[in-house]
Amino acid sequence: MDCVYEAICETSTFFQTSIAFRSTLLAQRHDACAKGRTRRADIYDKLLTGLDDEAS
């Protein structure tokens, strides 16, 4: 969350994640919301939804 590039990795076509990183992604989403960065929060929402869909 201290990265100056914020969500640049998550918007890359090469980015992959797994359920193992759910808590990190959730923390990043909360950080984005706290800072009023709705576009960034939307990115994390989509990633978390995708992880939840895969886990179901």
PDB file of N, CA and C in Angstrom:
ATOM      1  N   MET A   1       0.807  -1.187   0.000  1.00  0.00           N
ATOM      2  CA  MET A   1       0.000   0.000   0.000  1.00  0.00           C
ATOM      3  C   MET A   1       0.851   1.251   0.000  1.00  0.00           C
ATOM      4  N   ASP A   2       2.142   1.094   0.143  1.00  0.00           N
ATOM      5  CA  ASP A   2       3.027   2.249   0.101  1.00  0.00           C
ATOM      6  C   ASP A   2       3.609   2.471  -1.292  1.00  0.00           C
ATOM      7  N   CYS A   3       3.182   1.674  -2.253  1.00  0.00           N
ATOM      8  CA  CYS A   3       3.702   1.790  -3.613  1.00  0.00           C
ATOM      9  C   CYS A   3       3.190   3.068  -4.267  1.00  0.00           C
ATOM     10  N   VAL A   4       4.077   3.820  -4.877  1.00  0.00           N
ATOM     11  CA  VAL A   4       3.674   5.058  -5.539  1.00  0.00           C
ATOM     12  C   VAL A   4       2.851   4.792  -6.799  1.00  0.00           C
ATOM     13  N   TYR A   5       2.893   3.564  -7.297  1.00  0.00           N
ATOM     14  CA  TYR A   5       2.165   3.222  -8.511  1.00  0.00           C
ATOM     15  C   TYR A   5       0.763   2.692  -8.231  1.00  0.00           C
ATOM     16  N   GLU A   6       0.420   2.542  -6.965  1.00  0.00           N
ATOM     17  CA  GLU A   6      -0.879   2.093  -6.497  1.00  0.00           C
ATOM     18  C   GLU A   6      -1.364   0.833  -7.193  1.00  0.00           C
ATOM     19  N   ALA A   7      -2.286   0.914  -8.130  1.00  0.00           N
ATOM     20  CA  ALA A   7      -2.910  -0.278  -8.714  1.00  0.00           C
ATOM     21  C   ALA A   7      -2.382  -0.611 -10.107  1.00  0.00           C
ATOM     22  N   ILE A   8      -1.179  -0.170 -10.432  1.00  0.00           N
ATOM     23  CA  ILE A   8      -0.658  -0.404 -11.773  1.00  0.00           C
ATOM     24  C   ILE A   8      -0.488  -1.902 -12.068  1.00  0.00           C
ATOM     25  N   CYS A   9      -0.049  -2.675 -11.089  1.00  0.00           N
ATOM     26  CA  CYS A   9       0.138  -4.109 -11.300  1.00  0.00           C
ATOM     27  C   CYS A   9      -1.196  -4.809 -11.564  1.00  0.00           C
ATOM     28  N   GLU A  10      -2.210  -4.422 -10.792  1.00  0.00           N
ATOM     29  CA  GLU A  10      -3.502  -5.067 -10.886  1.00  0.00           C
ATOM     30  C   GLU A  10      -4.207  -4.794 -12.204  1.00  0.00           C
ATOM     31  N   THR A  11      -3.803  -3.756 -12.924  1.00  0.00           N
ATOM     32  CA  THR A  11      -4.419  -3.458 -14.216  1.00  0.00           C
ATOM     33  C   THR A  11      -3.608  -4.016 -15.388  1.00  0.00           C
ATOM     34  N   SER A  12      -2.489  -4.653 -15.110  1.00  0.00           N
ATOM     35  CA  SER A  12      -1.656  -5.264 -16.143  1.00  0.00           C
ATOM     36  C   SER A  12      -2.319  -6.532 -16.672  1.00  0.00           C
ATOM     37  N   THR A  13      -2.158  -6.788 -17.955  1.00  0.00           N
ATOM     38  CA  THR A  13      -2.720  -8.008 -18.544  1.00  0.00           C
ATOM     39  C   THR A  13      -1.991  -9.258 -18.054  1.00  0.00           C
ATOM     40  N   PHE A  14      -0.831  -9.087 -17.427  1.00  0.00           N
ATOM     41  CA  PHE A  14      -0.062 -10.222 -16.918  1.00  0.00           C
ATOM     42  C   PHE A  14      -0.335 -10.515 -15.443  1.00  0.00           C
ATOM     43  N   PHE A  15      -1.131  -9.672 -14.797  1.00  0.00           N
ATOM     44  CA  PHE A  15      -1.392  -9.817 -13.367  1.00  0.00           C
ATOM     45  C   PHE A  15      -2.233 -11.057 -13.090  1.00  0.00           C
ATOM     46  N   GLN A  16      -1.803 -11.833 -12.100  1.00  0.00           N
ATOM     47  CA  GLN A  16      -2.565 -12.990 -11.642  1.00  0.00           C
ATOM     48  C   GLN A  16      -2.519 -13.000 -10.117  1.00  0.00           C
ATOM     49  N   THR A  17      -3.605 -13.445  -9.521  1.00  0.00           N
ATOM     50  CA  THR A  17      -3.647 -13.545  -8.071  1.00  0.00           C
ATOM     51  C   THR A  17      -4.379 -14.819  -7.690  1.00  0.00           C
ATOM     52  N   SER A  18      -4.451 -15.072  -6.409  1.00  0.00           N
ATOM     53  CA  SER A  18      -5.159 -16.262  -5.929  1.00  0.00           C
ATOM     54  C   SER A  18      -5.808 -15.942  -4.594  1.00  0.00           C
ATOM     55  N   ILE A  19      -6.600 -16.862  -4.117  1.00  0.00           N
ATOM     56  CA  ILE A  19      -7.301 -16.698  -2.847  1.00  0.00           C
ATOM     57  C   ILE A  19      -6.317 -16.456  -1.695  1.00  0.00           C
ATOM     58  N   ALA A  20      -5.078 -16.890  -1.856  1.00  0.00           N
ATOM     59  CA  ALA A  20      -4.057 -16.688  -0.822  1.00  0.00           C
ATOM     60  C   ALA A  20      -3.795 -15.200  -0.568  1.00  0.00           C
ATOM     61  N   PHE A  21      -4.094 -14.353  -1.534  1.00  0.00           N
ATOM     62  CA  PHE A  21      -3.849 -12.919  -1.417  1.00  0.00           C
ATOM     63  C   PHE A  21      -5.120 -12.126  -1.130  1.00  0.00           C
ATOM     64  N   ARG A  22      -6.212 -12.818  -0.807  1.00  0.00           N
ATOM     65  CA  ARG A  22      -7.488 -12.138  -0.576  1.00  0.00           C
ATOM     66  C   ARG A  22      -7.374 -11.090   0.532  1.00  0.00           C
ATOM     67  N   SER A  23      -6.731 -11.424   1.631  1.00  0.00           N
ATOM     68  CA  SER A  23      -6.636 -10.466   2.742  1.00  0.00           C
ATOM     69  C   SER A  23      -5.819  -9.238   2.341  1.00  0.00           C
ATOM     70  N   THR A  24      -4.791  -9.409   1.540  1.00  0.00           N
ATOM     71  CA  THR A  24      -3.987  -8.278   1.067  1.00  0.00           C
ATOM     72  C   THR A  24      -4.811  -7.394   0.136  1.00  0.00           C
ATOM     73  N   LEU A  25      -5.529  -8.021  -0.790  1.00  0.00           N
ATOM     74  CA  LEU A  25      -6.362  -7.266  -1.714  1.00  0.00           C
ATOM     75  C   LEU A  25      -7.471  -6.518  -0.967  1.00  0.00           C
ATOM     76  N   LEU A  26      -8.018  -7.151   0.046  1.00  0.00           N
ATOM     77  CA  LEU A  26      -9.055  -6.516   0.856  1.00  0.00           C
ATOM     78  C   LEU A  26      -8.489  -5.301   1.598  1.00  0.00           C
ATOM     79  N   ALA A  27      -7.291  -5.441   2.149  1.00  0.00           N
ATOM     80  CA  ALA A  27      -6.637  -4.315   2.829  1.00  0.00           C
ATOM     81  C   ALA A  27      -6.362  -3.179   1.847  1.00  0.00           C
ATOM     82  N   GLN A  28      -5.958  -3.523   0.635  1.00  0.00           N
ATOM     83  CA  GLN A  28      -5.699  -2.499  -0.376  1.00  0.00           C
ATOM     84  C   GLN A  28      -7.004  -1.794  -0.771  1.00  0.00           C
ATOM     85  N   ARG A  29      -8.097  -2.552  -0.834  1.00  0.00           N
ATOM     86  CA  ARG A  29      -9.398  -1.960  -1.146  1.00  0.00           C
ATOM     87  C   ARG A  29      -9.807  -0.985  -0.044  1.00  0.00           C
ATOM     88  N   HIS A  30      -9.653  -1.391   1.206  1.00  0.00           N
ATOM     89  CA  HIS A  30      -9.996  -0.521   2.325  1.00  0.00           C
ATOM     90  C   HIS A  30      -9.145   0.758   2.307  1.00  0.00           C
ATOM     91  N   ASP A  31      -7.868   0.615   1.970  1.00  0.00           N
ATOM     92  CA  ASP A  31      -6.978   1.765   1.876  1.00  0.00           C
ATOM     93  C   ASP A  31      -7.454   2.726   0.784  1.00  0.00           C
ATOM     94  N   ALA A  32      -7.834   2.183  -0.358  1.00  0.00           N
ATOM     95  CA  ALA A  32      -8.329   3.008  -1.461  1.00  0.00           C
ATOM     96  C   ALA A  32      -9.601   3.744  -1.054  1.00  0.00           C
ATOM     97  N   CYS A  33     -10.510   3.039  -0.395  1.00  0.00           N
ATOM     98  CA  CYS A  33     -11.760   3.669   0.058  1.00  0.00           C
ATOM     99  C   CYS A  33     -11.487   4.779   1.066  1.00  0.00           C
ATOM    100  N   ALA A  34     -10.569   4.527   1.989  1.00  0.00           N
ATOM    101  CA  ALA A  34     -10.236   5.511   3.010  1.00  0.00           C
ATOM    102  C   ALA A  34      -9.647   6.776   2.406  1.00  0.00           C
ATOM    103  N   LYS A  35      -8.968   6.627   1.279  1.00  0.00           N
ATOM    104  CA  LYS A  35      -8.350   7.773   0.610  1.00  0.00           C
ATOM    105  C   LYS A  35      -9.250   8.372  -0.466  1.00  0.00           C
ATOM    106  N   GLY A  36     -10.476   7.823  -0.608  1.00  0.00           N
ATOM    107  CA  GLY A  36     -11.416   8.352  -1.592  1.00  0.00           C
ATOM    108  C   GLY A  36     -11.054   8.035  -3.029  1.00  0.00           C
ATOM    109  N   ARG A  37     -10.290   6.999  -3.234  1.00  0.00           N
ATOM    110  CA  ARG A  37      -9.846   6.626  -4.586  1.00  0.00           C
ATOM    111  C   ARG A  37     -10.775   5.548  -5.130  1.00  0.00           C
ATOM    112  N   THR A  38     -11.900   5.987  -5.656  1.00  0.00           N
ATOM    113  CA  THR A  38     -12.955   5.062  -6.070  1.00  0.00           C
ATOM    114  C   THR A  38     -12.545   4.187  -7.258  1.00  0.00           C
ATOM    115  N   ARG A  39     -11.795   4.731  -8.198  1.00  0.00           N
ATOM    116  CA  ARG A  39     -11.350   3.918  -9.347  1.00  0.00           C
ATOM    117  C   ARG A  39     -10.482   2.761  -8.868  1.00  0.00           C
ATOM    118  N   ARG A  40      -9.578   3.057  -7.965  1.00  0.00           N
ATOM    119  CA  ARG A  40      -8.704   2.034  -7.400  1.00  0.00           C
ATOM    120  C   ARG A  40      -9.514   1.020  -6.594  1.00  0.00           C
ATOM    121  N   ALA A  41     -10.486   1.487  -5.826  1.00  0.00           N
ATOM    122  CA  ALA A  41     -11.339   0.580  -5.051  1.00  0.00           C
ATOM    123  C   ALA A  41     -12.123  -0.335  -5.981  1.00  0.00           C
ATOM    124  N   ASP A  42     -12.584   0.183  -7.109  1.00  0.00           N
ATOM    125  CA  ASP A  42     -13.314  -0.635  -8.087  1.00  0.00           C
ATOM    126  C   ASP A  42     -12.456  -1.776  -8.624  1.00  0.00           C
ATOM    127  N   ILE A  43     -11.182  -1.492  -8.835  1.00  0.00           N
ATOM    128  CA  ILE A  43     -10.259  -2.535  -9.315  1.00  0.00           C
ATOM    129  C   ILE A  43     -10.195  -3.673  -8.302  1.00  0.00           C
ATOM    130  N   TYR A  44     -10.057  -3.320  -7.036  1.00  0.00           N
ATOM    131  CA  TYR A  44      -9.988  -4.349  -5.992  1.00  0.00           C
ATOM    132  C   TYR A  44     -11.317  -5.067  -5.820  1.00  0.00           C
ATOM    133  N   ASP A  45     -12.424  -4.349  -5.974  1.00  0.00           N
ATOM    134  CA  ASP A  45     -13.744  -4.996  -5.921  1.00  0.00           C
ATOM    135  C   ASP A  45     -13.848  -6.095  -6.974  1.00  0.00           C
ATOM    136  N   LYS A  46     -13.421  -5.785  -8.187  1.00  0.00           N
ATOM    137  CA  LYS A  46     -13.491  -6.766  -9.277  1.00  0.00           C
ATOM    138  C   LYS A  46     -12.582  -7.960  -9.002  1.00  0.00           C
ATOM    139  N   LEU A  47     -11.389  -7.704  -8.505  1.00  0.00           N
ATOM    140  CA  LEU A  47     -10.469  -8.803  -8.187  1.00  0.00           C
ATOM    141  C   LEU A  47     -11.041  -9.690  -7.083  1.00  0.00           C
ATOM    142  N   LEU A  48     -11.587  -9.074  -6.044  1.00  0.00           N
ATOM    143  CA  LEU A  48     -12.152  -9.838  -4.929  1.00  0.00           C
ATOM    144  C   LEU A  48     -13.377 -10.631  -5.367  1.00  0.00           C
ATOM    145  N   THR A  49     -14.221 -10.041  -6.197  1.00  0.00           N
ATOM    146  CA  THR A  49     -15.382 -10.754  -6.717  1.00  0.00           C
ATOM    147  C   THR A  49     -14.948 -11.955  -7.538  1.00  0.00           C
ATOM    148  N   GLY A  50     -13.929 -11.763  -8.358  1.00  0.00           N
ATOM    149  CA  GLY A  50     -13.401 -12.869  -9.159  1.00  0.00           C
ATOM    150  C   GLY A  50     -12.869 -14.005  -8.284  1.00  0.00           C
ATOM    151  N   LEU A  51     -12.171 -13.661  -7.225  1.00  0.00           N
ATOM    152  CA  LEU A  51     -11.658 -14.684  -6.306  1.00  0.00           C
ATOM    153  C   LEU A  51     -12.811 -15.420  -5.618  1.00  0.00           C
ATOM    154  N   ASP A  52     -13.815 -14.660  -5.189  1.00  0.00           N
ATOM    155  CA  ASP A  52     -14.963 -15.261  -4.529  1.00  0.00           C
ATOM    156  C   ASP A  52     -15.728 -16.185  -5.474  1.00  0.00           C
ATOM    157  N   ASP A  53     -15.850 -15.776  -6.735  1.00  0.00           N
ATOM    158  CA  ASP A  53     -16.538 -16.600  -7.738  1.00  0.00           C
ATOM    159  C   ASP A  53     -15.777 -17.905  -7.984  1.00  0.00           C
ATOM    160  N   GLU A  54     -14.452 -17.821  -8.014  1.00  0.00           N
ATOM    161  CA  GLU A  54     -13.620 -19.019  -8.227  1.00  0.00           C
ATOM    162  C   GLU A  54     -13.716 -19.966  -7.036  1.00  0.00           C
ATOM    163  N   ALA A  55     -13.834 -19.402  -5.847  1.00  0.00           N
ATOM    164  CA  ALA A  55     -13.873 -20.229  -4.628  1.00  0.00           C
ATOM    165  C   ALA A  55     -15.227 -20.936  -4.476  1.00  0.00           C
ATOM    166  N   SER A  56     -16.259 -20.420  -5.131  1.00  0.00           N
ATOM    167  CA  SER A  56     -17.610 -21.015  -4.988  1.00  0.00           C
ATOM    168  C   SER A  56     -17.761 -22.300  -5.771  1.00  0.00           C
TER     169      SER A  56
END
